[in-house]
């Protein structure tokens, strides 16, 4: 680990090379011998996505949305494989389906890549279609202006560790600025197109490849009514997912105006109603909603959840969805993630999302004790290792506080029920 290397180097510079070696080895042995990783969940019991796989009709569909940093298709492979194993989905489609996303209004505009993989258990009939959105194409050109700073003309002038950190910063820091600025509309269109392909077609109806935009047809209504949708996002991807859902809900009632002339006859009334009946699960890894809310205008409707989210509410028919279950994962040693404070959803999330919040405080990297006087953890690893952590996978798959939760979660995680 980077911190152990730094510690060893500092001790060596103090003419204690042999001691530093012994101390470093002791720290490594202690870190592997002791499992001191925290896992605490505050909220209502939840069952994860495993029970959804037994639904009599319709499909379970999951969309992964990455965060900051350059990504290429396939970035979610380890997460997908771990999740499939946890759910017992031991078979899959032979090939991925890769769609180059484009805008309906501007077919020449590239909006990233959507990769779909079909997972199933042939014995039980359980199945899940996993979608991976890669939107890095949108910001890559703007970030290219930092290429000179990453080049050989500059990197040799830095200390090696500083050069590693500078390149990490150059790759990740621009994305929030670009999303909140000139690229926001494109990224939201990318999310919208991904959701359209996910919601309008089943696995067999998706194109194998190619550059296409999605509109859907009358048959799409059936999928929106019967399918269930799950989102997994990382860092900035959580802001994109929340904004994207609000974007879709606001756009659907007036979507006809954006359609090509030959599609003007497509009706979206059933699809809109089906969307309003959805109960969406959103698992946010390295949650950044509090930080990314700074400087933004408030949503159109806040502090009025009671007016929209109960069947007898006066504006129940104007809700976006029936419920948005938000599960916010954050490692205290991740410098870029935050728990969601009490009252945040009421003040900063659109009331029509009908959101509920569950905070999950989890160490995804080991905290090392240094001589019994202090401790530290790798902040970079604490930001990127969520989708590799078996407890995170088990919580998404089987939840906590129920009989169906995974043995690993029952052994390693503490559940604190919060009455709402």
Protein backbone atom coordinates (compact mmCIF):
# COMPACT_ATOMS: atom_id res chain seq x y z
CA UNK A 1 0.00 0.00 0.00
CA UNK A 2 1.09 3.55 -0.71
CA UNK A 3 1.09 4.59 2.95
CA UNK A 4 3.26 1.65 3.98
CA UNK A 5 5.74 2.53 1.25
CA UNK A 6 5.90 6.12 2.47
CA UNK A 7 6.39 4.98 6.05
CA UNK A 8 9.16 2.59 5.05
CA UNK A 9 10.94 5.29 3.04
CA UNK A 10 10.80 7.80 5.87
CA UNK A 11 12.25 5.32 8.33
CA UNK A 12 15.00 4.38 5.89
CA UNK A 13 15.95 8.03 5.49
CA UNK A 14 16.40 8.14 9.26
CA UNK A 15 19.16 5.50 8.91
CA UNK A 16 16.87 2.83 10.24
CA UNK A 17 16.56 0.69 7.14
CA UNK A 18 16.50 -2.64 8.94
CA UNK A 19 13.99 -1.38 11.48
CA UNK A 20 11.73 0.04 8.75
CA UNK A 21 11.67 -3.34 7.03
CA UNK A 22 10.66 -5.08 10.22
CA UNK A 23 8.02 -2.48 11.07
CA UNK A 24 6.57 -2.52 7.55
CA UNK A 25 6.34 -6.33 7.59
CA UNK A 26 4.69 -6.18 11.00
CA UNK A 27 2.13 -3.67 9.75
CA UNK A 28 1.36 -5.82 6.75
CA UNK A 29 0.97 -8.93 8.90
CA UNK A 30 -1.28 -7.08 11.33
CA UNK A 31 -3.45 -5.63 8.57
CA UNK A 32 -4.06 -9.09 7.11
CA UNK A 33 -4.53 -10.81 10.48
CA UNK A 34 -7.06 -8.36 11.90
CA UNK A 35 -10.29 -7.52 10.12
CA UNK A 36 -11.06 -4.08 11.51
CA UNK A 37 -13.25 -2.90 8.63
CA UNK A 38 -16.42 -1.19 9.81
CA UNK A 39 -19.81 -1.92 8.23
CA UNK A 40 -22.79 -0.06 9.72
CA UNK A 41 -26.20 0.43 8.14
CA UNK A 42 -28.72 3.05 9.32
CA UNK A 43 -32.28 2.87 7.97
CA UNK A 44 -35.12 0.46 7.39
CA UNK A 45 -34.56 -3.26 6.71
CA UNK A 46 -34.26 -3.96 3.00
CA UNK A 47 -34.10 -7.15 0.99
CA UNK A 48 -31.82 -6.16 -1.90
CA UNK A 49 -32.57 -7.31 -5.42
CA UNK A 50 -32.62 -11.10 -4.92
CA UNK A 51 -36.40 -11.36 -4.21
CA UNK A 52 -37.11 -9.33 -7.35
CA UNK A 53 -35.74 -12.16 -9.48
CA UNK A 54 -38.78 -14.31 -8.62
CA UNK A 55 -41.32 -11.90 -10.15
CA UNK A 56 -43.87 -13.81 -12.30
CA UNK A 57 -43.70 -11.43 -15.27
CA UNK A 58 -41.37 -8.77 -16.51
CA UNK A 59 -37.60 -8.47 -16.07
CA UNK A 60 -35.18 -7.10 -13.51
CA UNK A 61 -32.84 -4.63 -15.19
CA UNK A 62 -29.80 -2.97 -13.60
CA UNK A 63 -27.90 0.04 -14.95
CA UNK A 64 -24.36 0.89 -13.82
CA UNK A 65 -23.29 4.57 -14.10
CA UNK A 66 -19.62 5.37 -13.56
CA UNK A 67 -18.22 8.45 -11.87
CA UNK A 68 -15.16 10.64 -12.40
CA UNK A 69 -12.18 9.51 -14.41
CA UNK A 70 -11.82 8.07 -17.88
CA UNK A 71 -13.64 4.76 -18.35
CA UNK A 72 -13.89 2.31 -21.22
CA UNK A 73 -16.59 -0.33 -21.85
CA UNK A 74 -16.12 -3.29 -19.55
CA UNK A 75 -15.15 -1.27 -16.45
CA UNK A 76 -17.91 -2.94 -14.40
CA UNK A 77 -16.95 -6.55 -15.24
CA UNK A 78 -15.63 -7.45 -11.77
CA UNK A 79 -18.70 -5.99 -10.06
CA UNK A 80 -21.06 -7.76 -12.47
CA UNK A 81 -19.36 -11.12 -12.02
CA UNK A 82 -19.33 -10.84 -8.21
CA UNK A 83 -23.01 -9.86 -8.19
CA UNK A 84 -23.95 -12.72 -10.53
CA UNK A 85 -22.18 -15.20 -8.26
CA UNK A 86 -23.88 -13.82 -5.14
CA UNK A 87 -27.29 -14.13 -6.85
CA UNK A 88 -26.63 -17.60 -8.22
CA UNK A 89 -26.87 -16.42 -11.83
CA UNK A 90 -24.35 -18.92 -13.15
CA UNK A 91 -25.01 -18.56 -16.88
CA UNK A 92 -24.91 -15.62 -19.27
CA UNK A 93 -25.32 -14.55 -22.85
CA UNK A 94 -22.37 -15.54 -25.02
CA UNK A 95 -21.76 -12.02 -26.27
CA UNK A 96 -22.26 -8.49 -24.98
CA UNK A 97 -24.48 -6.10 -26.87
CA UNK A 98 -22.73 -2.76 -27.42
CA UNK A 99 -24.75 0.24 -28.57
CA UNK A 100 -23.10 3.53 -29.49
CA UNK A 101 -25.59 6.02 -28.07
CA UNK A 102 -26.69 8.98 -30.15
CA UNK A 103 -29.13 11.84 -29.75
CA UNK A 104 -32.61 11.53 -31.24
CA UNK A 105 -32.49 15.18 -32.31
CA UNK A 106 -28.88 15.02 -33.54
CA UNK A 107 -27.92 11.52 -34.83
CA UNK A 108 -24.31 12.60 -35.40
CA UNK A 109 -23.79 13.40 -31.73
CA UNK A 110 -22.14 10.55 -29.83
CA UNK A 111 -23.30 10.08 -26.28
CA UNK A 112 -21.12 7.20 -25.11
CA UNK A 113 -21.60 3.45 -25.03
CA UNK A 114 -24.23 1.13 -23.52
CA UNK A 115 -23.17 -2.48 -22.96
CA UNK A 116 -25.79 -5.10 -22.07
CA UNK A 117 -25.19 -8.59 -20.65
CA UNK A 118 -27.92 -11.15 -19.91
CA UNK A 119 -27.41 -13.14 -16.69
CA UNK A 120 -29.52 -16.15 -15.73
CA UNK A 121 -29.87 -19.35 -13.76
CA UNK A 122 -31.09 -22.01 -16.17
CA UNK A 123 -32.37 -24.27 -13.38
CA UNK A 124 -34.51 -21.72 -11.52
CA UNK A 125 -35.34 -19.47 -14.47
CA UNK A 126 -34.14 -16.39 -12.59
CA UNK A 127 -32.60 -13.74 -14.82
CA UNK A 128 -31.27 -10.21 -14.82
CA UNK A 129 -30.11 -7.96 -17.65
CA UNK A 130 -27.10 -5.86 -16.67
CA UNK A 131 -26.48 -2.56 -18.47
CA UNK A 132 -23.25 -0.57 -18.25
CA UNK A 133 -23.25 3.10 -19.30
CA UNK A 134 -19.91 4.61 -20.33
CA UNK A 135 -20.22 8.39 -20.82
CA UNK A 136 -16.47 9.24 -20.78
CA UNK A 137 -16.51 9.90 -24.53
CA UNK A 138 -18.35 13.13 -23.80
CA UNK A 139 -15.68 14.68 -21.55
CA UNK A 140 -12.57 13.07 -23.06
CA UNK A 141 -11.98 15.79 -25.67
CA UNK A 142 -12.17 18.64 -23.14
CA UNK A 143 -9.84 16.81 -20.74
CA UNK A 144 -7.30 16.41 -23.53
CA UNK A 145 -6.07 19.95 -22.84
CA UNK A 146 -4.34 18.50 -19.76
CA UNK A 147 -2.41 15.97 -21.85
CA UNK A 148 0.67 18.25 -21.94
CA UNK A 149 0.73 18.30 -18.13
CA UNK A 150 0.73 14.49 -18.15
CA UNK A 151 3.41 14.22 -20.83
CA UNK A 152 7.08 13.37 -20.54
CA UNK A 153 7.90 17.06 -20.78
CA UNK A 154 6.47 17.55 -17.31
CA UNK A 155 6.18 14.30 -15.40
CA UNK A 156 9.94 13.80 -14.94
CA UNK A 157 10.06 17.08 -13.04
CA UNK A 158 7.84 15.70 -10.25
CA UNK A 159 8.57 13.25 -7.48
CA UNK A 160 7.22 9.85 -8.51
CA UNK A 161 4.43 9.66 -5.96
CA UNK A 162 3.43 13.26 -6.65
CA UNK A 163 3.36 12.47 -10.38
CA UNK A 164 1.01 9.55 -9.74
CA UNK A 165 -1.30 11.75 -7.68
CA UNK A 166 -1.16 14.59 -10.26
CA UNK A 167 -2.18 12.26 -13.09
CA UNK A 168 -5.00 10.87 -10.94
CA UNK A 169 -6.14 14.44 -10.24
CA UNK A 170 -5.94 15.42 -13.91
CA UNK A 171 -8.08 12.42 -14.84
CA UNK A 172 -10.77 12.88 -12.19
CA UNK A 173 -10.98 16.56 -11.16
CA UNK A 174 -12.32 18.02 -14.45
CA UNK A 175 -15.39 15.77 -14.70
CA UNK A 176 -17.54 17.48 -12.02
CA UNK A 177 -16.78 20.89 -13.53
CA UNK A 178 -17.63 19.66 -17.03
CA UNK A 179 -20.84 18.03 -15.80
CA UNK A 180 -21.97 21.13 -13.95
CA UNK A 181 -21.01 23.24 -17.00
CA UNK A 182 -20.89 22.69 -20.74
CA UNK A 183 -21.32 18.89 -20.85
CA UNK A 184 -24.26 18.50 -18.47
CA UNK A 185 -26.94 18.32 -21.18
CA UNK A 186 -25.01 15.71 -23.18
CA UNK A 187 -24.37 13.51 -20.15
CA UNK A 188 -28.03 13.65 -19.15
CA UNK A 189 -29.00 12.72 -22.71
CA UNK A 190 -26.58 9.79 -22.44
CA UNK A 191 -28.34 8.61 -19.27
CA UNK A 192 -31.74 9.16 -20.89
CA UNK A 193 -30.81 7.11 -23.94
CA UNK A 194 -29.43 4.33 -21.74
CA UNK A 195 -32.65 4.24 -19.73
CA UNK A 196 -34.71 4.24 -22.92
CA UNK A 197 -32.94 1.15 -24.26
CA UNK A 198 -33.23 -0.50 -20.85
CA UNK A 199 -36.92 0.24 -20.38
CA UNK A 200 -38.26 0.02 -23.94
CA UNK A 201 -36.87 -3.39 -24.99
CA UNK A 202 -36.09 -6.79 -23.56
CA UNK A 203 -32.79 -8.59 -24.19
CA UNK A 204 -33.90 -10.09 -27.49
CA UNK A 205 -35.11 -6.73 -28.79
CA UNK A 206 -31.81 -4.92 -28.27
CA UNK A 207 -29.57 -4.43 -31.31
CA UNK A 208 -26.32 -6.40 -31.17
CA UNK A 209 -24.24 -3.31 -31.97
CA UNK A 210 -24.26 -0.12 -33.99
CA UNK A 211 -24.83 3.58 -33.61
CA UNK A 212 -28.48 4.20 -32.78
CA UNK A 213 -30.87 6.38 -30.82
CA UNK A 214 -33.77 4.95 -28.82
CA UNK A 215 -37.40 6.02 -28.96
CA UNK A 216 -39.33 2.82 -28.35
CA UNK A 217 -42.80 1.96 -29.60
CA UNK A 218 -46.20 0.94 -28.28
CA UNK A 219 -44.79 -2.41 -27.10
CA UNK A 220 -42.47 -0.49 -24.77
CA UNK A 221 -45.39 0.23 -22.45
CA UNK A 222 -45.48 -3.42 -21.36
CA UNK A 223 -41.86 -3.31 -20.21
CA UNK A 224 -42.25 -0.11 -18.19
CA UNK A 225 -45.36 -1.51 -16.50
CA UNK A 226 -43.93 -4.93 -15.58
CA UNK A 227 -40.14 -4.58 -15.42
CA UNK A 228 -38.21 -3.44 -12.36
CA UNK A 229 -35.25 -1.07 -12.45
CA UNK A 230 -32.16 -0.90 -10.29
CA UNK A 231 -29.34 1.65 -10.58
CA UNK A 232 -25.80 1.36 -9.25
CA UNK A 233 -23.71 4.53 -9.43
CA UNK A 234 -20.28 5.66 -8.34
CA UNK A 235 -19.33 9.17 -7.12
CA UNK A 236 -20.43 11.69 -9.79
CA UNK A 237 -22.58 8.95 -11.32
CA UNK A 238 -24.99 9.31 -8.39
CA UNK A 239 -25.65 12.95 -9.23
CA UNK A 240 -26.10 11.96 -12.87
CA UNK A 241 -28.59 9.23 -11.95
CA UNK A 242 -30.69 11.49 -9.71
CA UNK A 243 -30.67 14.33 -12.25
CA UNK A 244 -31.34 11.84 -15.05
CA UNK A 245 -34.45 10.44 -13.39
CA UNK A 246 -35.79 13.96 -12.85
CA UNK A 247 -34.88 14.83 -16.44
CA UNK A 248 -36.80 11.81 -17.79
CA UNK A 249 -39.85 12.44 -15.64
CA UNK A 250 -40.03 16.07 -16.75
CA UNK A 251 -39.44 15.20 -20.41
CA UNK A 252 -41.88 12.29 -20.86
CA UNK A 253 -45.14 14.30 -20.87
CA UNK A 254 -43.83 16.48 -23.72
CA UNK A 255 -41.70 13.91 -25.53
CA UNK A 256 -43.79 14.03 -28.70
CA UNK A 257 -42.33 17.42 -29.60
CA UNK A 258 -38.84 15.89 -29.80
CA UNK A 259 -39.84 12.97 -32.05
CA UNK A 260 -39.05 12.68 -35.75
CA UNK A 261 -42.07 13.29 -37.97
CA UNK A 262 -42.62 9.58 -38.68
CA UNK A 263 -42.86 8.84 -34.93
CA UNK A 264 -45.39 11.53 -33.99
CA UNK A 265 -48.13 8.93 -33.61
CA UNK A 266 -46.39 7.13 -30.73
CA UNK A 267 -48.33 7.61 -27.48
CA UNK A 268 -46.52 7.80 -24.16
CA UNK A 269 -49.49 7.98 -21.75
CA UNK A 270 -49.25 4.34 -20.61
CA UNK A 271 -45.48 4.59 -20.32
CA UNK A 272 -45.75 7.71 -18.17
CA UNK A 273 -48.23 6.01 -15.83
CA UNK A 274 -46.06 2.90 -15.69
CA UNK A 275 -43.06 5.04 -14.78
CA UNK A 276 -45.04 6.69 -11.97
CA UNK A 277 -45.82 3.27 -10.49
CA UNK A 278 -42.15 2.26 -10.34
CA UNK A 279 -40.28 1.65 -7.08
CA UNK A 280 -36.69 2.30 -8.07
CA UNK A 281 -33.62 1.18 -6.12
CA UNK A 282 -30.52 3.37 -6.38
CA UNK A 283 -27.28 2.10 -4.81
CA UNK A 284 -24.81 4.98 -4.60
CA UNK A 285 -21.17 3.96 -4.14
CA UNK A 286 -18.88 6.70 -2.82
CA UNK A 287 -21.91 8.93 -2.50
CA UNK A 288 -21.23 12.60 -3.30
CA UNK A 289 -24.70 14.15 -3.30
CA UNK A 290 -24.04 16.67 -0.47
CA UNK A 291 -20.87 18.02 -2.12
CA UNK A 292 -22.33 18.12 -5.64
CA UNK A 293 -25.41 19.99 -4.40
CA UNK A 294 -23.30 23.02 -3.50
CA UNK A 295 -23.94 26.02 -5.71
CA UNK A 296 -26.89 24.38 -7.47
CA UNK A 297 -30.41 25.71 -7.58
CA UNK A 298 -32.99 23.78 -5.60
CA UNK A 299 -35.30 21.42 -7.50
CA UNK A 300 -38.63 22.76 -8.66
CA UNK A 301 -40.59 21.16 -5.81
CA UNK A 302 -39.12 20.51 -2.34
CA UNK A 303 -40.40 20.00 1.22
CA UNK A 304 -43.71 18.68 -0.12
CA UNK A 305 -43.27 14.91 -0.09
CA UNK A 306 -46.58 14.45 1.72
CA UNK A 307 -48.37 16.22 -1.14
CA UNK A 308 -47.17 13.71 -3.75
CA UNK A 309 -46.20 10.35 -2.33
CA UNK A 310 -49.25 8.91 -0.56
CA UNK A 311 -52.27 7.48 -2.44
CA UNK A 312 -54.54 10.05 -0.82
CA UNK A 313 -52.12 12.95 -1.47
CA UNK A 314 -53.61 15.85 -3.46
CA UNK A 315 -50.89 15.63 -6.16
CA UNK A 316 -50.39 11.86 -6.19
CA UNK A 317 -50.92 11.68 -9.97
CA UNK A 318 -48.10 14.19 -10.54
CA UNK A 319 -45.42 12.12 -8.77
CA UNK A 320 -42.36 11.01 -10.79
CA UNK A 321 -42.19 7.50 -9.31
CA UNK A 322 -43.89 5.79 -6.38
CA UNK A 323 -40.63 5.53 -4.45
CA UNK A 324 -36.91 6.04 -4.95
CA UNK A 325 -34.98 3.92 -2.46
CA UNK A 326 -31.53 5.50 -2.05
CA UNK A 327 -28.75 3.46 -0.44
CA UNK A 328 -25.75 5.73 0.13
CA UNK A 329 -22.42 3.89 0.64
CA UNK A 330 -19.54 5.94 2.03
CA UNK A 331 -16.16 5.08 3.53
CA UNK A 332 -15.14 7.65 6.17
CA UNK A 333 -11.60 7.47 4.75
CA UNK A 334 -12.82 8.27 1.25
CA UNK A 335 -12.09 12.00 0.99
CA UNK A 336 -14.73 12.39 -1.72
CA UNK A 337 -17.75 10.60 -0.23
CA UNK A 338 -20.39 11.70 2.26
CA UNK A 339 -23.26 10.29 4.25
CA UNK A 340 -26.61 11.93 3.53
CA UNK A 341 -27.64 14.07 6.52
CA UNK A 342 -31.10 14.13 8.01
CA UNK A 343 -33.41 16.47 6.11
CA UNK A 344 -31.28 16.44 2.93
CA UNK A 345 -33.83 14.66 0.76
CA UNK A 346 -36.65 16.98 1.83
CA UNK A 347 -34.64 20.12 1.08
CA UNK A 348 -32.49 19.13 -1.90
CA UNK A 349 -34.27 16.31 -3.76
CA UNK A 350 -37.42 16.81 -5.80
CA UNK A 351 -40.40 15.82 -3.68
CA UNK A 352 -41.89 13.93 -6.64
CA UNK A 353 -39.08 11.36 -6.42
CA UNK A 354 -40.66 10.16 -3.13
CA UNK A 355 -37.19 9.24 -1.89
CA UNK A 356 -36.15 7.29 1.20
CA UNK A 357 -32.55 7.27 2.49
CA UNK A 358 -30.43 4.47 3.95
CA UNK A 359 -26.85 5.40 4.93
CA UNK A 360 -24.19 2.68 4.82
CA UNK A 361 -20.91 3.50 6.58
CA UNK A 362 -18.38 0.94 5.35
CA UNK A 363 -14.58 0.66 5.27
CA UNK A 364 -13.69 -0.68 1.83
CA UNK A 365 -9.98 -0.40 2.59
CA UNK A 366 -8.09 -1.49 5.69
CA UNK A 367 -7.36 0.97 8.49
CA UNK A 368 -3.82 0.39 9.78
CA UNK A 369 -2.71 1.04 13.32
CA UNK A 370 0.70 2.75 13.54
CA UNK A 371 2.55 1.96 16.78
CA UNK A 372 -0.74 2.23 18.71
CA UNK A 373 -0.55 6.03 18.41
CA UNK A 374 -2.33 6.76 15.12
CA UNK A 375 -3.97 5.05 12.16
CA UNK A 376 -4.42 5.65 8.47
CA UNK A 377 -6.05 4.24 5.32
CA UNK A 378 -5.40 4.74 1.64
CA UNK A 379 -7.84 7.50 0.55
CA UNK A 380 -7.58 6.59 -3.14
CA UNK A 381 -8.42 2.96 -2.49
CA UNK A 382 -11.19 4.10 -0.15
CA UNK A 383 -12.72 5.96 -3.11
CA UNK A 384 -12.51 3.28 -5.79
CA UNK A 385 -12.81 -0.11 -4.04
CA UNK A 386 -16.56 -0.24 -3.31
CA UNK A 387 -17.47 -2.42 -6.26
CA UNK A 388 -14.77 -4.94 -5.28
CA UNK A 389 -15.93 -5.34 -1.65
CA UNK A 390 -17.83 -8.58 -0.97
CA UNK A 391 -19.97 -6.94 1.74
CA UNK A 392 -21.09 -4.20 -0.67
CA UNK A 393 -22.03 -6.85 -3.24
CA UNK A 394 -23.91 -8.88 -0.61
CA UNK A 395 -25.82 -5.83 0.65
CA UNK A 396 -26.94 -4.95 -2.88
CA UNK A 397 -27.89 -8.54 -3.61
CA UNK A 398 -29.62 -9.55 -0.36
CA UNK A 399 -29.94 -6.46 1.84
CA UNK A 400 -29.86 -6.43 5.64
CA UNK A 401 -32.27 -6.80 8.55
CA UNK A 402 -34.23 -9.63 6.90
CA UNK A 403 -34.05 -13.43 6.97
CA UNK A 404 -32.70 -13.43 3.44
CA UNK A 405 -29.61 -11.32 4.12
CA UNK A 406 -26.29 -12.98 3.32
CA UNK A 407 -24.32 -14.73 6.11
CA UNK A 408 -21.37 -12.41 5.39
CA UNK A 409 -23.55 -9.37 6.09
CA UNK A 410 -25.02 -10.94 9.22
CA UNK A 411 -21.50 -11.59 10.53
CA UNK A 412 -19.71 -8.43 9.42
CA UNK A 413 -22.29 -5.62 9.37
CA UNK A 414 -24.18 -3.85 12.15
CA UNK A 415 -27.77 -2.80 11.44
CA UNK A 416 -29.32 0.19 13.22
CA UNK A 417 -33.01 0.55 12.45
CA UNK A 418 -34.15 4.15 11.98
CA UNK A 419 -37.87 4.77 12.34
CA UNK A 420 -39.09 7.21 9.69
